């Protein structure tokens, strides 16, 4: 008799446990519950994207500061070096132009060619 009572109780407990588990799953799968879960996931993803964007912005500001220091862009305007001028002399004036009488020309911010094969 005790054996039958034990198995009856074990079966009833297993049935209650299974019924409870199934009812919880069914409640999770209702449209309202699914919508709430989706909204929670969307909010969580939005927070993660916002945190990522803030990290990227902080990195950009830090890198711009590093580049500004390396290039001297953050220096006070009085501390900047003077402008450079290149002197170009007109050694062969044009025959038809009388305004080129060996005048010296100054070019602001000259660019130089670094081609090693040029004029060699």
N, C-alpha and C. Protein backbone atom coordinates (compact mmCIF):
# COMPACT_ATOMS: atom_id res chain seq x y z
N UNK A 1 0.79 -1.18 0.00
CA UNK A 1 0.00 0.00 0.00
C UNK A 1 0.85 1.27 0.00
N UNK A 2 1.92 1.24 0.74
CA UNK A 2 2.79 2.41 0.75
C UNK A 2 3.45 2.64 -0.61
N UNK A 3 3.69 1.57 -1.29
CA UNK A 3 4.29 1.67 -2.62
C UNK A 3 3.34 2.38 -3.56
N UNK A 4 2.07 2.03 -3.54
CA UNK A 4 1.08 2.68 -4.41
C UNK A 4 0.93 4.15 -4.03
N UNK A 5 0.92 4.46 -2.79
CA UNK A 5 0.78 5.85 -2.33
C UNK A 5 1.99 6.68 -2.78
N UNK A 6 3.17 6.08 -2.67
CA UNK A 6 4.38 6.78 -3.11
C UNK A 6 4.31 7.13 -4.59
N UNK A 7 3.97 6.13 -5.44
CA UNK A 7 3.92 6.37 -6.87
C UNK A 7 2.78 7.32 -7.25
N UNK A 8 1.66 7.25 -6.55
CA UNK A 8 0.57 8.18 -6.80
C UNK A 8 1.00 9.61 -6.49
N UNK A 9 1.68 9.79 -5.39
CA UNK A 9 2.16 11.12 -4.99
C UNK A 9 3.22 11.62 -5.97
N UNK A 10 4.13 10.74 -6.36
CA UNK A 10 5.18 11.12 -7.32
C UNK A 10 4.56 11.52 -8.66
N UNK A 11 3.57 10.78 -9.13
CA UNK A 11 2.89 11.11 -10.38
C UNK A 11 2.13 12.41 -10.30
N UNK A 12 1.46 12.64 -9.16
CA UNK A 12 0.72 13.90 -8.98
C UNK A 12 1.68 15.07 -8.94
N UNK A 13 2.81 14.93 -8.28
CA UNK A 13 3.81 16.02 -8.21
C UNK A 13 4.38 16.29 -9.60
N UNK A 14 4.67 15.22 -10.35
CA UNK A 14 5.20 15.41 -11.71
C UNK A 14 4.16 16.09 -12.59
N UNK A 15 2.90 15.75 -12.43
CA UNK A 15 1.84 16.38 -13.21
C UNK A 15 1.68 17.85 -12.87
N UNK A 16 1.74 18.19 -11.60
CA UNK A 16 1.65 19.59 -11.19
C UNK A 16 2.84 20.38 -11.72
N UNK A 17 4.04 19.79 -11.60
CA UNK A 17 5.25 20.47 -12.09
C UNK A 17 5.17 20.71 -13.59
N UNK A 18 4.77 19.69 -14.36
CA UNK A 18 4.68 19.82 -15.82
C UNK A 18 3.60 20.83 -16.21
N UNK A 19 2.46 20.80 -15.52
CA UNK A 19 1.39 21.75 -15.83
C UNK A 19 1.84 23.19 -15.56
N UNK A 20 2.52 23.39 -14.45
CA UNK A 20 3.02 24.73 -14.12
C UNK A 20 4.02 25.20 -15.17
N UNK A 21 4.92 24.31 -15.56
CA UNK A 21 5.94 24.66 -16.56
C UNK A 21 5.29 25.02 -17.89
N UNK A 22 4.32 24.24 -18.33
CA UNK A 22 3.63 24.50 -19.61
C UNK A 22 2.85 25.81 -19.54
N UNK A 23 2.18 26.07 -18.44
CA UNK A 23 1.42 27.32 -18.31
C UNK A 23 2.33 28.55 -18.34
N UNK A 24 3.50 28.45 -17.72
CA UNK A 24 4.46 29.57 -17.78
C UNK A 24 4.92 29.81 -19.21
N UNK A 25 5.22 28.75 -19.93
CA UNK A 25 5.65 28.88 -21.33
C UNK A 25 4.55 29.49 -22.17
N UNK A 26 3.32 29.06 -21.96
CA UNK A 26 2.20 29.60 -22.73
C UNK A 26 2.01 31.10 -22.45
N UNK A 27 2.21 31.50 -21.19
CA UNK A 27 2.09 32.92 -20.87
C UNK A 27 3.20 33.73 -21.54
N UNK A 28 4.39 33.13 -21.67
CA UNK A 28 5.50 33.82 -22.35
C UNK A 28 5.25 33.96 -23.84
N UNK A 29 4.45 33.09 -24.41
CA UNK A 29 4.22 33.09 -25.85
C UNK A 29 2.96 33.84 -26.26
N UNK A 30 2.31 34.52 -25.34
CA UNK A 30 1.14 35.33 -25.72
C UNK A 30 1.62 36.55 -26.49
N UNK A 31 0.80 37.11 -27.38
CA UNK A 31 1.22 38.28 -28.16
C UNK A 31 1.66 39.46 -27.30
N UNK A 32 0.97 39.70 -26.19
CA UNK A 32 1.34 40.82 -25.33
C UNK A 32 2.72 40.61 -24.72
N UNK A 33 2.98 39.40 -24.28
CA UNK A 33 4.27 39.08 -23.69
C UNK A 33 5.39 39.17 -24.73
N UNK A 34 5.13 38.67 -25.94
CA UNK A 34 6.13 38.75 -27.00
C UNK A 34 6.42 40.20 -27.38
N UNK A 35 5.37 41.03 -27.42
CA UNK A 35 5.58 42.45 -27.73
C UNK A 35 6.40 43.13 -26.64
N UNK A 36 6.13 42.82 -25.39
CA UNK A 36 6.89 43.40 -24.28
C UNK A 36 8.35 42.96 -24.33
N UNK A 37 8.57 41.69 -24.64
CA UNK A 37 9.95 41.20 -24.75
C UNK A 37 10.69 41.88 -25.89
N UNK A 38 10.01 42.05 -27.03
CA UNK A 38 10.64 42.71 -28.18
C UNK A 38 10.96 44.16 -27.84
N UNK A 39 10.05 44.83 -27.15
CA UNK A 39 10.31 46.23 -26.76
C UNK A 39 11.49 46.32 -25.81
N UNK A 40 11.58 45.42 -24.87
CA UNK A 40 12.70 45.41 -23.94
C UNK A 40 14.03 45.18 -24.67
N UNK A 41 14.02 44.24 -25.61
CA UNK A 41 15.24 43.97 -26.38
C UNK A 41 15.63 45.18 -27.23
N UNK A 42 14.64 45.86 -27.82
CA UNK A 42 14.92 47.04 -28.63
C UNK A 42 15.51 48.16 -27.78
N UNK A 43 14.96 48.35 -26.60
CA UNK A 43 15.50 49.39 -25.71
C UNK A 43 16.92 49.05 -25.29
N UNK A 44 17.16 47.80 -24.99
CA UNK A 44 18.50 47.35 -24.60
C UNK A 44 19.49 47.56 -25.75
N UNK A 45 19.07 47.21 -26.97
CA UNK A 45 19.94 47.41 -28.13
C UNK A 45 20.19 48.89 -28.35
N UNK A 46 19.18 49.73 -28.16
CA UNK A 46 19.37 51.17 -28.31
C UNK A 46 20.38 51.72 -27.32
N UNK A 47 20.33 51.24 -26.09
CA UNK A 47 21.31 51.67 -25.09
C UNK A 47 22.73 51.24 -25.47
N UNK A 48 22.85 50.03 -26.00
CA UNK A 48 24.17 49.55 -26.41
C UNK A 48 24.71 50.38 -27.58
N UNK A 49 23.85 50.71 -28.54
CA UNK A 49 24.28 51.53 -29.69
C UNK A 49 24.67 52.92 -29.22
N UNK A 50 23.90 53.49 -28.29
CA UNK A 50 24.22 54.82 -27.77
C UNK A 50 25.56 54.79 -27.06
N UNK A 51 25.81 53.78 -26.24
CA UNK A 51 27.10 53.66 -25.55
C UNK A 51 28.24 53.53 -26.55
N UNK A 52 28.03 52.75 -27.61
CA UNK A 52 29.05 52.60 -28.65
C UNK A 52 29.33 53.93 -29.33
N UNK A 53 28.27 54.67 -29.67
CA UNK A 53 28.45 55.97 -30.33
C UNK A 53 29.20 56.94 -29.42
N UNK A 54 28.90 56.92 -28.13
CA UNK A 54 29.62 57.80 -27.20
C UNK A 54 31.09 57.41 -27.09
N UNK A 55 31.38 56.11 -27.10
CA UNK A 55 32.77 55.65 -27.07
C UNK A 55 33.50 56.09 -28.34
N UNK A 56 32.84 55.98 -29.49
CA UNK A 56 33.46 56.40 -30.75
C UNK A 56 33.73 57.90 -30.72
N UNK A 57 32.77 58.69 -30.23
CA UNK A 57 32.95 60.14 -30.17
C UNK A 57 34.10 60.50 -29.24
N UNK A 58 34.21 59.83 -28.09
CA UNK A 58 35.32 60.09 -27.18
C UNK A 58 36.65 59.75 -27.83
N UNK A 59 36.69 58.65 -28.56
CA UNK A 59 37.91 58.28 -29.27
C UNK A 59 38.28 59.28 -30.34
N UNK A 60 37.28 59.81 -31.03
CA UNK A 60 37.55 60.82 -32.07
C UNK A 60 38.13 62.09 -31.45
N UNK A 61 37.56 62.53 -30.34
CA UNK A 61 38.05 63.74 -29.68
C UNK A 61 39.48 63.53 -29.20
N UNK A 62 39.75 62.37 -28.63
CA UNK A 62 41.10 62.07 -28.15
C UNK A 62 42.08 62.04 -29.31
N UNK A 63 41.70 61.41 -30.41
CA UNK A 63 42.61 61.30 -31.56
C UNK A 63 42.84 62.67 -32.20
N UNK A 64 41.79 63.50 -32.28
CA UNK A 64 41.96 64.84 -32.82
C UNK A 64 42.91 65.66 -31.96
N UNK A 65 42.82 65.50 -30.65
CA UNK A 65 43.74 66.21 -29.76
C UNK A 65 45.17 65.73 -29.97
N UNK A 66 45.36 64.42 -30.14
CA UNK A 66 46.70 63.90 -30.39
C UNK A 66 47.26 64.44 -31.70
N UNK A 67 46.43 64.44 -32.74
CA UNK A 67 46.89 64.96 -34.03
C UNK A 67 47.16 66.45 -33.97
N UNK A 68 46.31 67.18 -33.23
CA UNK A 68 46.53 68.61 -33.08
C UNK A 68 47.85 68.91 -32.40
N UNK A 69 48.19 68.14 -31.37
CA UNK A 69 49.47 68.33 -30.69
C UNK A 69 50.63 67.96 -31.62
N UNK A 70 50.49 66.87 -32.35
CA UNK A 70 51.56 66.41 -33.23
C UNK A 70 51.81 67.40 -34.36
N UNK A 71 50.76 68.03 -34.87
CA UNK A 71 50.91 68.97 -35.98
C UNK A 71 51.07 70.41 -35.51
N UNK A 72 50.96 70.64 -34.23
CA UNK A 72 51.12 72.00 -33.71
C UNK A 72 49.91 72.88 -33.94
N UNK A 73 48.76 72.29 -34.13
CA UNK A 73 47.55 73.07 -34.39
C UNK A 73 46.95 73.66 -33.12
N UNK A 74 47.33 73.13 -31.97
CA UNK A 74 46.79 73.60 -30.71
C UNK A 74 47.65 74.70 -30.09
N UNK A 75 48.73 75.07 -30.76
CA UNK A 75 49.64 76.07 -30.22
C UNK A 75 49.00 77.46 -30.31
N UNK A 76 49.47 78.35 -29.47
CA UNK A 76 49.00 79.74 -29.48
C UNK A 76 49.45 80.39 -30.79
N UNK A 77 48.65 81.27 -31.40
CA UNK A 77 49.02 81.87 -32.68
C UNK A 77 50.35 82.60 -32.65
N UNK A 78 50.74 83.17 -31.51
CA UNK A 78 52.04 83.85 -31.42
C UNK A 78 53.19 82.86 -31.46
N UNK A 79 52.93 81.62 -31.08
CA UNK A 79 53.98 80.62 -31.03
C UNK A 79 54.19 79.92 -32.37
N UNK A 80 53.35 80.19 -33.34
CA UNK A 80 53.48 79.55 -34.64
C UNK A 80 54.68 80.11 -35.39
N UNK A 81 55.34 79.29 -36.19
CA UNK A 81 56.49 79.80 -36.97
C UNK A 81 56.02 80.77 -38.04
N UNK A 82 56.94 81.62 -38.45
CA UNK A 82 56.62 82.61 -39.49
C UNK A 82 56.40 81.90 -40.82
N UNK A 83 55.71 82.59 -41.71
CA UNK A 83 55.46 82.01 -43.04
C UNK A 83 56.76 81.92 -43.81
N UNK A 84 56.86 80.91 -44.63
CA UNK A 84 58.04 80.75 -45.48
C UNK A 84 57.74 81.27 -46.87
N UNK A 85 58.73 81.86 -47.46
CA UNK A 85 58.61 82.33 -48.83
C UNK A 85 59.74 81.72 -49.64
N UNK A 86 59.45 81.36 -50.86
CA UNK A 86 60.48 80.87 -51.78
C UNK A 86 60.84 82.01 -52.72
N UNK A 87 62.11 82.17 -52.95
CA UNK A 87 62.57 83.22 -53.85
C UNK A 87 62.83 82.60 -55.21
N UNK A 88 62.17 83.17 -56.20
CA UNK A 88 62.35 82.70 -57.58
C UNK A 88 62.81 83.89 -58.40
N UNK A 89 63.97 83.76 -58.98
CA UNK A 89 64.47 84.85 -59.82
C UNK A 89 64.16 84.53 -61.26
N UNK A 90 63.74 85.53 -61.98
CA UNK A 90 63.44 85.38 -63.39
C UNK A 90 64.71 85.68 -64.15
N UNK A 91 65.43 84.66 -64.55
CA UNK A 91 66.73 84.83 -65.20
C UNK A 91 66.63 85.05 -66.70
N UNK A 92 65.56 84.55 -67.28
CA UNK A 92 65.43 84.73 -68.73
C UNK A 92 64.10 85.40 -69.01
N UNK A 93 64.10 86.71 -69.11
CA UNK A 93 62.84 87.41 -69.37
C UNK A 93 62.32 87.10 -70.76
N UNK A 94 61.02 87.12 -70.86
CA UNK A 94 60.40 86.87 -72.17
C UNK A 94 60.70 88.04 -73.08
N UNK A 95 60.92 87.76 -74.36
CA UNK A 95 61.31 88.80 -75.30
C UNK A 95 60.16 89.77 -75.58
N UNK A 96 58.94 89.27 -75.56
CA UNK A 96 57.83 90.11 -75.91
C UNK A 96 57.22 90.81 -74.68
N UNK A 97 57.66 90.45 -73.47
CA UNK A 97 57.09 91.04 -72.27
C UNK A 97 58.14 91.90 -71.60
N UNK A 98 57.88 93.19 -71.51
CA UNK A 98 58.85 94.11 -70.93
C UNK A 98 58.69 94.22 -69.41
N UNK A 99 57.64 93.59 -68.84
CA UNK A 99 57.43 93.70 -67.41
C UNK A 99 58.30 92.73 -66.61
N UNK A 100 58.93 91.77 -67.25
CA UNK A 100 59.78 90.78 -66.57
C UNK A 100 61.25 91.20 -66.64
N UNK A 101 61.58 92.30 -66.07
CA UNK A 101 62.95 92.79 -66.11
C UNK A 101 63.74 92.25 -64.92
N UNK A 102 63.97 90.94 -64.93
CA UNK A 102 64.72 90.26 -63.87
C UNK A 102 64.23 90.61 -62.48
N UNK A 103 62.94 90.62 -62.31
CA UNK A 103 62.36 90.89 -60.99
C UNK A 103 62.35 89.62 -60.16
N UNK A 104 62.50 89.81 -58.88
CA UNK A 104 62.45 88.69 -57.95
C UNK A 104 61.01 88.49 -57.53
N UNK A 105 60.56 87.24 -57.55
CA UNK A 105 59.19 86.91 -57.18
C UNK A 105 59.22 86.13 -55.86
N UNK A 106 58.23 86.39 -55.03
CA UNK A 106 58.08 85.66 -53.77
C UNK A 106 56.79 84.85 -53.84
N UNK A 107 56.91 83.58 -53.53
CA UNK A 107 55.75 82.69 -53.55
C UNK A 107 55.50 82.24 -52.12
N UNK A 108 54.26 82.45 -51.66
CA UNK A 108 53.90 82.04 -50.31
C UNK A 108 53.61 80.55 -50.27
N UNK A 109 54.08 79.88 -49.22
CA UNK A 109 53.88 78.43 -49.02
C UNK A 109 54.28 77.63 -50.26
N UNK A 110 55.54 77.61 -50.58
CA UNK A 110 55.97 76.89 -51.78
C UNK A 110 55.83 75.39 -51.60
N UNK A 111 55.63 74.71 -52.69
CA UNK A 111 55.62 73.25 -52.68
C UNK A 111 56.84 72.77 -53.45
N UNK A 112 57.47 71.76 -52.93
CA UNK A 112 58.67 71.24 -53.55
C UNK A 112 58.41 69.83 -54.04
N UNK A 113 59.05 69.49 -55.13
CA UNK A 113 58.93 68.15 -55.66
C UNK A 113 59.95 67.26 -54.97
N UNK A 114 59.50 66.11 -54.52
CA UNK A 114 60.41 65.18 -53.87
C UNK A 114 60.68 63.97 -54.76
N UNK A 115 60.52 64.13 -56.06
CA UNK A 115 60.78 63.06 -56.99
C UNK A 115 62.29 62.97 -57.17
N UNK A 116 62.88 61.87 -56.79
CA UNK A 116 64.33 61.72 -56.87
C UNK A 116 64.82 61.61 -58.30
N UNK A 117 63.96 61.23 -59.23
CA UNK A 117 64.36 61.06 -60.62
C UNK A 117 64.20 62.33 -61.43
N UNK A 118 63.75 63.39 -60.81
CA UNK A 118 63.50 64.61 -61.55
C UNK A 118 64.81 65.38 -61.72
N UNK A 119 65.09 65.82 -62.94
CA UNK A 119 66.24 66.66 -63.27
C UNK A 119 67.57 66.03 -62.85
N UNK A 120 67.74 64.75 -63.05
CA UNK A 120 69.02 64.12 -62.75
C UNK A 120 69.59 63.49 -63.96
